[in-house]
Amino acid sequence: MDYILEVIELEKEFKEFLKKKKVLKWVNLKIKKWEIYGFLGPNGAWKTTTLKCVLGFLKPTKGEIKIFWEKMERKFDIYKRIWYAPENAYYYDHLKWLEFLVFMGQLAGIPKQDAEIIWLGLLRKLGLDYAAWKYIKTYSKWMKQRLWLAASLINDPEIIFWDEPMSGLDPLGRVLVKELMKELKDKWKTIFFNTHILSDVEEVADRFGIIFDWKIIYEDTPRNLTKPLEEFFKEIIQKQEWKLEIR
């Protein structure tokens, strides 16, 4: 199987005063080339922490991470081929939308003129072209969220990591993002995204995984389910919580 991302026996501990707190244990993931993978879990399941370990923002306590069949050890050539859109990001409020995207493009080595052409197209696709010359500080959370999704595509990445990409979006924004995800897959991109909106996973994901109690407890394809994903997710989490109570 041609896996473009592998997470092998990932563990993560944080130090709290004189104690260590384990938040991830035996996390194993294998993501195929050109698939959309939805990463699910209840609040506090450490989905974002897992993603930050994968990207190298946090150092795992144990385990191995491979991207493009190489160990992820802050290799610059790997970072040039991936990109990330966080749920909560910092914005330069004094910049206008298009200026921000051009700036991000230049960080990725894209000339200003080329960046303007690319990002005007992205803003149009995400329904923000009318706002290209307005200041970021004047806009709402859902508009800023769309801006970061556009910024995450600045270097035409092969793997796109999105943390809660539909968070704060109105129904139209969610439709636009889902259409964008399908379009990116058609262009041979791989997408890994965290979310708590299960109906969106059901609609766009090729596969999904559920993390709970430090580890992945279930993986499958939405089409294999015999009931809605929301109902299935609720049942499997409740069963796991019951097991914890009787330990």
Protein backbone atom coordinates (compact mmCIF):
# COMPACT_ATOMS: atom_id res chain seq x y z
CA MET A 1 0.00 0.00 0.00
CA ASP A 2 1.32 3.43 -0.96
CA TYR A 3 1.06 5.40 2.28
CA ILE A 4 2.21 9.02 2.02
CA LEU A 5 1.97 9.61 5.80
CA GLU A 6 2.69 7.11 8.57
CA VAL A 7 2.43 7.64 12.32
CA ILE A 8 3.92 4.70 14.21
CA GLU A 9 3.40 4.13 17.95
CA LEU A 10 3.24 7.87 18.67
CA GLU A 11 3.33 8.90 22.33
CA LYS A 12 3.34 12.37 23.87
CA GLU A 13 3.82 13.51 27.47
CA PHE A 14 3.71 17.00 28.94
CA LYS A 15 5.38 18.03 32.17
CA GLU A 16 3.04 19.49 34.80
CA PHE A 17 5.00 20.75 37.79
CA LEU A 18 6.84 17.65 39.04
CA LYS A 19 4.62 15.16 37.22
CA LYS A 20 4.28 13.93 33.66
CA LYS A 21 0.92 13.85 31.93
CA LYS A 22 0.53 11.39 29.08
CA VAL A 23 -1.91 12.60 26.40
CA LEU A 24 -1.14 10.27 23.48
CA LYS A 25 -0.24 6.57 23.55
CA TRP A 26 0.16 4.03 20.73
CA VAL A 27 -1.26 6.33 18.06
CA ASN A 28 -0.93 4.63 14.67
CA LEU A 29 -2.07 6.21 11.41
CA LYS A 30 -1.51 5.41 7.75
CA ILE A 31 -2.74 7.90 5.18
CA LYS A 32 -2.91 6.93 1.51
CA LYS A 33 -1.86 9.14 -1.37
CA TRP A 34 -4.64 11.32 -2.79
CA GLU A 35 -7.23 10.58 -0.12
CA ILE A 36 -9.24 12.82 2.17
CA TYR A 37 -8.89 11.64 5.76
CA GLY A 38 -11.14 12.94 8.53
CA PHE A 39 -9.66 12.83 12.04
CA LEU A 40 -12.37 12.73 14.70
CA GLY A 41 -12.64 12.76 18.46
CA PRO A 42 -14.54 14.43 21.30
CA ASN A 43 -13.31 17.68 22.80
CA GLY A 44 -10.10 17.10 24.73
CA ALA A 45 -9.10 14.02 22.72
CA TRP A 46 -5.81 15.70 21.68
CA LYS A 47 -6.54 15.85 17.96
CA THR A 48 -4.65 19.11 17.51
CA THR A 49 -1.74 17.83 19.59
CA THR A 50 -1.50 14.78 17.33
CA LEU A 51 -1.45 17.05 14.29
CA LYS A 52 1.25 19.27 15.80
CA CYS A 53 3.40 16.21 16.51
CA VAL A 54 2.97 15.07 12.90
CA LEU A 55 4.06 18.48 11.63
CA GLY A 56 7.01 18.74 13.98
CA PHE A 57 5.64 21.67 15.99
CA LEU A 58 5.76 19.41 19.07
CA LYS A 59 8.39 16.77 19.70
CA PRO A 60 6.90 13.32 20.34
CA THR A 61 7.97 11.52 23.48
CA LYS A 62 8.16 8.28 21.52
CA GLY A 63 7.28 6.99 18.10
CA GLU A 64 8.09 7.63 14.49
CA ILE A 65 6.52 9.84 11.82
CA LYS A 66 7.15 9.44 8.10
CA ILE A 67 6.02 11.81 5.37
CA PHE A 68 6.86 10.99 1.76
CA TRP A 69 8.48 7.80 3.10
CA GLU A 70 11.08 9.80 5.07
CA LYS A 71 11.33 10.41 8.79
CA MET A 72 9.83 13.78 9.74
CA GLU A 73 12.79 15.51 11.37
CA ARG A 74 12.27 19.17 10.44
CA LYS A 75 13.52 18.54 6.92
CA PHE A 76 13.12 21.66 4.83
CA ASP A 77 12.46 19.72 1.62
CA ILE A 78 9.46 18.06 3.29
CA TYR A 79 8.07 21.35 4.60
CA LYS A 80 8.15 22.76 1.06
CA ARG A 81 5.72 20.04 -0.03
CA ILE A 82 3.13 20.40 2.75
CA TRP A 83 1.11 23.21 4.38
CA TYR A 84 -1.05 23.76 7.42
CA ALA A 85 -4.08 25.86 8.34
CA PRO A 86 -4.63 26.14 12.13
CA GLU A 87 -8.02 26.62 13.73
CA ASN A 88 -6.87 29.69 15.66
CA ALA A 89 -4.26 31.70 13.81
CA TYR A 90 -2.53 35.06 14.11
CA TYR A 91 -3.39 37.69 11.53
CA TYR A 92 -1.70 40.94 10.62
CA ASP A 93 -4.73 43.14 11.16
CA HIS A 94 -3.14 46.16 9.50
CA LEU A 95 -2.81 44.28 6.20
CA LYS A 96 -5.47 43.90 3.57
CA TRP A 97 -6.54 40.41 2.58
CA LEU A 98 -4.67 40.29 -0.71
CA GLU A 99 -1.56 41.83 0.89
CA PHE A 100 -1.59 39.08 3.51
CA LEU A 101 -1.79 36.33 0.91
CA VAL A 102 0.94 37.89 -1.22
CA PHE A 103 3.11 38.12 1.91
CA MET A 104 2.51 34.44 2.67
CA GLY A 105 3.32 33.59 -0.92
CA GLN A 106 6.61 35.45 -0.74
CA LEU A 107 7.52 33.47 2.39
CA ALA A 108 7.10 30.38 0.23
CA GLY A 109 9.32 31.86 -2.48
CA ILE A 110 6.56 32.90 -4.88
CA PRO A 111 7.15 36.23 -6.71
CA LYS A 112 4.68 38.98 -5.84
CA GLN A 113 3.14 39.18 -9.30
CA ASP A 114 2.53 35.44 -9.44
CA ALA A 115 1.18 35.42 -5.89
CA GLU A 116 -1.40 38.11 -6.73
CA ILE A 117 -2.74 36.07 -9.64
CA ILE A 118 -2.86 32.84 -7.62
CA TRP A 119 -4.53 34.36 -4.57
CA LEU A 120 -7.13 36.35 -6.42
CA GLY A 121 -8.25 33.03 -7.87
CA LEU A 122 -8.29 31.41 -4.43
CA LEU A 123 -10.22 34.29 -2.89
CA ARG A 124 -12.76 34.05 -5.69
CA LYS A 125 -13.11 30.32 -5.13
CA LEU A 126 -13.72 30.87 -1.42
CA GLY A 127 -16.15 33.71 -2.02
CA LEU A 128 -13.84 36.47 -0.74
CA ASP A 129 -12.74 38.27 -3.89
CA TYR A 130 -14.93 41.26 -2.97
CA ALA A 131 -12.88 41.63 0.23
CA ALA A 132 -9.40 41.50 -1.32
CA TRP A 133 -8.61 45.14 -0.55
CA LYS A 134 -10.25 45.48 2.85
CA TYR A 135 -8.37 45.32 6.14
CA ILE A 136 -8.31 41.99 7.96
CA LYS A 137 -9.21 43.60 11.29
CA THR A 138 -12.66 44.48 9.95
CA TYR A 139 -13.73 40.92 9.27
CA SER A 140 -15.46 38.15 11.15
CA LYS A 141 -14.08 34.81 12.33
CA TRP A 142 -15.57 32.87 9.44
CA MET A 143 -14.04 35.23 6.89
CA LYS A 144 -10.62 34.95 8.56
CA GLN A 145 -11.00 31.18 8.56
CA ARG A 146 -11.48 31.17 4.81
CA LEU A 147 -8.44 33.39 4.42
CA TRP A 148 -6.21 30.89 6.21
CA LEU A 149 -7.54 28.05 4.08
CA ALA A 150 -6.51 30.07 1.04
CA ALA A 151 -3.11 30.77 2.60
CA SER A 152 -2.59 27.04 3.20
CA LEU A 153 -2.51 26.48 -0.55
CA ILE A 154 0.14 29.07 -1.34
CA ASN A 155 2.85 26.60 -2.32
CA ASP A 156 0.61 24.13 -4.19
CA PRO A 157 1.27 21.50 -1.46
CA GLU A 158 1.03 17.77 -1.98
CA ILE A 159 -0.37 17.20 1.52
CA ILE A 160 -2.68 19.73 3.17
CA PHE A 161 -3.27 19.67 6.92
CA TRP A 162 -6.36 21.54 8.14
CA ASP A 163 -7.35 21.91 11.79
CA GLU A 164 -11.14 22.40 12.08
CA PRO A 165 -11.48 23.95 8.58
CA MET A 166 -15.28 24.32 8.89
CA SER A 167 -15.17 25.88 12.37
CA GLY A 168 -17.01 29.18 12.47
CA LEU A 169 -18.14 28.99 8.84
CA ASP A 170 -21.70 29.67 7.77
CA PRO A 171 -23.50 27.03 5.63
CA LEU A 172 -22.35 28.67 2.39
CA GLY A 173 -18.75 28.73 3.62
CA ARG A 174 -18.91 25.03 4.49
CA VAL A 175 -20.22 24.20 1.03
CA LEU A 176 -17.40 26.19 -0.59
CA VAL A 177 -14.76 24.44 1.54
CA LYS A 178 -16.15 20.99 0.81
CA GLU A 179 -16.20 21.75 -2.91
CA LEU A 180 -12.60 22.94 -2.63
CA MET A 181 -11.57 19.72 -0.87
CA LYS A 182 -13.08 17.60 -3.64
CA GLU A 183 -11.41 19.75 -6.28
CA LEU A 184 -8.03 19.40 -4.54
CA LYS A 185 -8.41 15.63 -4.45
CA ASP A 186 -9.12 15.65 -8.18
CA LYS A 187 -5.78 17.47 -8.55
CA TRP A 188 -3.98 14.61 -6.75
CA LYS A 189 -3.72 16.27 -3.35
CA THR A 190 -3.89 14.49 0.01
CA ILE A 191 -5.95 16.16 2.75
CA PHE A 192 -5.80 15.39 6.48
CA PHE A 193 -8.27 17.37 8.56
CA ASN A 194 -9.49 17.48 12.14
CA THR A 195 -13.13 18.29 12.67
CA HIS A 196 -16.11 17.88 14.98
CA ILE A 197 -18.66 18.34 12.16
CA LEU A 198 -19.35 14.69 11.40
CA SER A 199 -21.78 15.27 8.54
CA ASP A 200 -18.98 16.98 6.59
CA VAL A 201 -16.72 13.94 7.10
CA GLU A 202 -19.52 11.70 5.90
CA GLU A 203 -19.82 13.79 2.75
CA VAL A 204 -16.20 14.35 1.70
CA ALA A 205 -13.86 11.90 3.47
CA ASP A 206 -12.59 8.69 1.89
CA ARG A 207 -11.68 7.39 5.34
CA PHE A 208 -11.93 8.55 8.93
CA GLY A 209 -10.32 7.71 12.25
CA ILE A 210 -11.57 8.28 15.81
CA ILE A 211 -9.17 9.11 18.64
CA PHE A 212 -10.14 8.60 22.27
CA ASP A 213 -8.34 7.70 25.50
CA TRP A 214 -4.90 8.50 24.03
CA LYS A 215 -5.19 6.29 20.93
CA ILE A 216 -7.02 5.54 17.67
CA ILE A 217 -10.00 3.38 18.54
CA TYR A 218 -11.64 3.04 15.13
CA GLU A 219 -10.97 3.53 11.42
CA ASP A 220 -13.22 2.92 8.42
CA THR A 221 -14.78 4.45 5.33
CA PRO A 222 -18.09 6.34 5.68
CA ARG A 223 -19.70 4.14 3.04
CA ASN A 224 -19.14 1.02 5.18
CA LEU A 225 -21.30 2.37 8.01
CA THR A 226 -24.83 1.05 8.36
CA LYS A 227 -26.01 4.17 10.21
CA PRO A 228 -25.26 7.91 10.11
CA LEU A 229 -21.74 8.76 11.27
CA GLU A 230 -23.05 11.04 14.04
CA GLU A 231 -25.06 8.18 15.52
CA PHE A 232 -22.18 5.72 15.16
CA PHE A 233 -19.70 8.18 16.70
CA LYS A 234 -21.95 8.75 19.71
CA GLU A 235 -22.33 5.01 20.31
CA ILE A 236 -18.65 4.15 20.07
CA ILE A 237 -17.59 7.00 22.36
CA GLN A 238 -20.22 6.06 24.94
CA LYS A 239 -18.96 2.46 24.91
CA GLN A 240 -15.39 3.64 25.46
CA GLU A 241 -16.48 5.91 28.31
CA TRP A 242 -18.29 2.98 29.93
CA LYS A 243 -15.12 0.86 29.70
CA LEU A 244 -13.16 3.61 31.41
CA GLU A 245 -15.68 3.79 34.24
CA ILE A 246 -15.42 0.08 35.05
CA ARG A 247 -11.58 -0.10 34.96
